[in-house]
Amino acid sequence: MMKQGREVRTNISEVFRTSYGTVDVAKLKSIYLNLSSWVEPRIELESWNRTIDSVKFKINNVVHKELLKTDFKNKAIVDLDLRASGLRPGKRSFMKCEITIFLKKQKESDIQNECIYSPLKEITNKIINGPLLSTKTFQFHKTKK
């Protein structure tokens, strides 16, 4: 039996493209949450690695704190993809954050069900309004230009 994935776009933010989905809708074990945007640094730094790691750490903390309030496992994988090599003020770079969240048990196979969508929307809002938009280091844009 082949896996059949499904993705649902969510219009949670004007600045971020957001969606969530699964790679196997028949055996729903995990859900991924995607956020992407164009990032423009507000300051010049010699090395961006520490700053990017700090943003990833803050996202990870928000996700795990919010997972305690849900029916999902308190286990998640946070992957923040933002290349440090090309970051400089006046130039936009693409950022993508993918968070894999695991279900405790398969209660629902419809990923658009409110018991799945509602906590994911809340987690997405907390990530956007917390570690991302509150940073003074980056400005976020929906498009490259």
Protein backbone atom coordinates (compact mmCIF):
# COMPACT_ATOMS: atom_id res chain seq x y z
CA MET A 1 0.00 0.00 0.00
CA MET A 2 1.40 3.37 -1.02
CA LYS A 3 1.58 6.32 1.31
CA GLN A 4 -0.66 9.20 0.43
CA GLY A 5 0.28 12.58 1.83
CA ARG A 6 -1.91 15.59 2.30
CA GLU A 7 -1.16 19.26 2.95
CA VAL A 8 -3.43 22.04 4.12
CA ARG A 9 -2.51 25.68 3.55
CA THR A 10 -3.32 28.01 6.41
CA ASN A 11 -3.50 31.77 6.03
CA ILE A 12 -2.46 32.62 9.55
CA SER A 13 -0.10 35.49 8.76
CA GLU A 14 0.36 38.22 6.17
CA VAL A 15 4.14 37.82 6.29
CA PHE A 16 4.58 34.04 6.59
CA ARG A 17 3.39 31.24 4.33
CA THR A 18 2.02 28.58 6.62
CA SER A 19 0.77 25.05 6.10
CA TYR A 20 0.59 21.68 7.79
CA GLY A 21 0.24 18.15 6.56
CA THR A 22 1.22 14.52 6.79
CA VAL A 23 3.15 12.08 4.62
CA ASP A 24 0.71 9.22 5.27
CA VAL A 25 -2.94 10.09 5.80
CA ALA A 26 -3.96 6.41 6.19
CA LYS A 27 -1.63 5.79 9.15
CA LEU A 28 -1.56 9.20 10.76
CA LYS A 29 1.43 9.09 13.11
CA SER A 30 3.00 12.48 12.57
CA ILE A 31 2.14 15.93 11.27
CA TYR A 32 4.49 18.53 9.89
CA LEU A 33 4.05 22.25 10.30
CA ASN A 34 5.69 24.59 7.75
CA LEU A 35 6.45 28.30 8.04
CA SER A 36 8.37 30.17 5.37
CA SER A 37 9.26 33.77 4.73
CA TRP A 38 11.92 36.02 3.27
CA VAL A 39 14.29 37.36 5.94
CA GLU A 40 16.21 40.62 5.81
CA PRO A 41 18.77 41.33 8.55
CA ARG A 42 18.45 44.71 10.23
CA ILE A 43 22.06 44.71 11.43
CA GLU A 44 25.45 43.53 10.17
CA LEU A 45 27.07 40.61 11.99
CA GLU A 46 30.35 38.81 11.37
CA SER A 47 28.83 35.38 12.04
CA TRP A 48 25.12 34.57 11.89
CA ASN A 49 25.33 30.97 13.17
CA ARG A 50 24.79 31.87 16.82
CA THR A 51 21.83 34.13 16.01
CA ILE A 52 20.16 31.49 13.82
CA ASP A 53 20.75 28.82 16.49
CA SER A 54 19.20 31.14 19.08
CA VAL A 55 16.04 31.60 16.96
CA LYS A 56 15.80 27.82 16.45
CA PHE A 57 16.22 27.26 20.21
CA LYS A 58 13.44 29.75 20.99
CA ILE A 59 11.12 28.12 18.43
CA ASN A 60 11.88 24.71 19.94
CA ASN A 61 11.03 26.00 23.44
CA VAL A 62 7.71 27.48 22.27
CA VAL A 63 6.76 24.26 20.47
CA HIS A 64 7.49 22.01 23.44
CA LYS A 65 5.74 24.35 25.86
CA GLU A 66 2.62 24.41 23.65
CA LEU A 67 2.67 20.64 23.10
CA LEU A 68 2.05 20.15 26.82
CA LYS A 69 -1.40 21.72 26.30
CA THR A 70 -2.35 19.38 23.42
CA ASP A 71 -3.16 15.73 22.71
CA PHE A 72 0.11 15.40 20.78
CA LYS A 73 3.23 13.72 22.15
CA ASN A 74 5.64 16.08 23.86
CA LYS A 75 8.16 15.24 21.18
CA ALA A 76 8.92 17.37 18.16
CA ILE A 77 11.68 17.92 15.63
CA VAL A 78 12.39 21.54 14.69
CA ASP A 79 14.32 22.18 11.46
CA LEU A 80 15.13 25.81 10.74
CA ASP A 81 16.64 26.33 7.31
CA LEU A 82 18.25 29.75 6.96
CA ARG A 83 21.65 30.03 5.28
CA ALA A 84 24.08 32.07 7.35
CA SER A 85 26.56 32.56 4.50
CA GLY A 86 24.57 35.09 2.46
CA LEU A 87 22.92 37.14 5.20
CA ARG A 88 23.51 40.88 5.06
CA PRO A 89 21.37 44.01 5.45
CA GLY A 90 19.53 45.02 2.28
CA LYS A 91 19.41 41.44 0.94
CA ARG A 92 16.52 39.05 1.54
CA SER A 93 17.21 35.37 2.18
CA PHE A 94 14.69 32.53 2.21
CA MET A 95 13.83 30.97 5.56
CA LYS A 96 11.88 27.77 6.05
CA CYS A 97 10.96 26.18 9.36
CA GLU A 98 9.54 22.66 9.43
CA ILE A 99 8.32 21.17 12.69
CA THR A 100 7.43 17.50 12.92
CA ILE A 101 4.88 16.71 15.64
CA PHE A 102 3.94 13.18 16.69
CA LEU A 103 0.46 11.99 17.63
CA LYS A 104 -0.13 9.97 20.81
CA LYS A 105 -2.58 7.71 19.02
CA GLN A 106 -4.49 7.81 15.79
CA LYS A 107 -7.93 9.06 16.73
CA GLU A 108 -8.63 10.98 13.58
CA SER A 109 -7.56 10.40 9.99
CA ASP A 110 -8.83 13.74 8.69
CA ILE A 111 -6.06 16.28 9.23
CA GLN A 112 -8.53 19.13 8.75
CA ASN A 113 -10.45 18.05 11.85
CA GLU A 114 -10.71 20.77 14.52
CA CYS A 115 -8.90 18.64 17.15
CA ILE A 116 -5.82 18.67 14.89
CA TYR A 117 -6.16 22.07 13.21
CA SER A 118 -6.87 24.15 16.32
CA PRO A 119 -3.72 23.25 18.34
CA LEU A 120 -1.54 23.55 15.22
CA LYS A 121 -2.95 27.02 14.55
CA GLU A 122 -2.21 28.00 18.14
CA ILE A 123 1.38 26.68 17.94
CA THR A 124 1.91 28.51 14.64
CA ASN A 125 0.62 31.79 16.09
CA LYS A 126 2.85 31.44 19.16
CA ILE A 127 5.93 30.81 16.96
CA ILE A 128 5.20 33.75 14.65
CA ASN A 129 4.30 36.25 17.38
CA GLY A 130 6.98 34.99 19.78
CA PRO A 131 10.48 34.12 18.54
CA LEU A 132 10.04 35.37 14.97
CA LEU A 133 8.28 38.75 14.94
CA SER A 134 9.67 39.80 18.33
CA THR A 135 13.27 39.64 17.11
CA LYS A 136 15.03 42.93 16.53
CA THR A 137 17.61 41.23 14.30
CA PHE A 138 15.41 40.28 11.34
CA GLN A 139 12.60 41.80 9.31
CA PHE A 140 10.27 39.35 7.56
CA HIS A 141 8.69 39.70 4.10
CA LYS A 142 6.25 37.53 2.14
CA THR A 143 8.12 38.01 -1.16
CA LYS A 144 11.74 38.39 -2.23
CA LYS A 145 11.32 41.87 -3.71
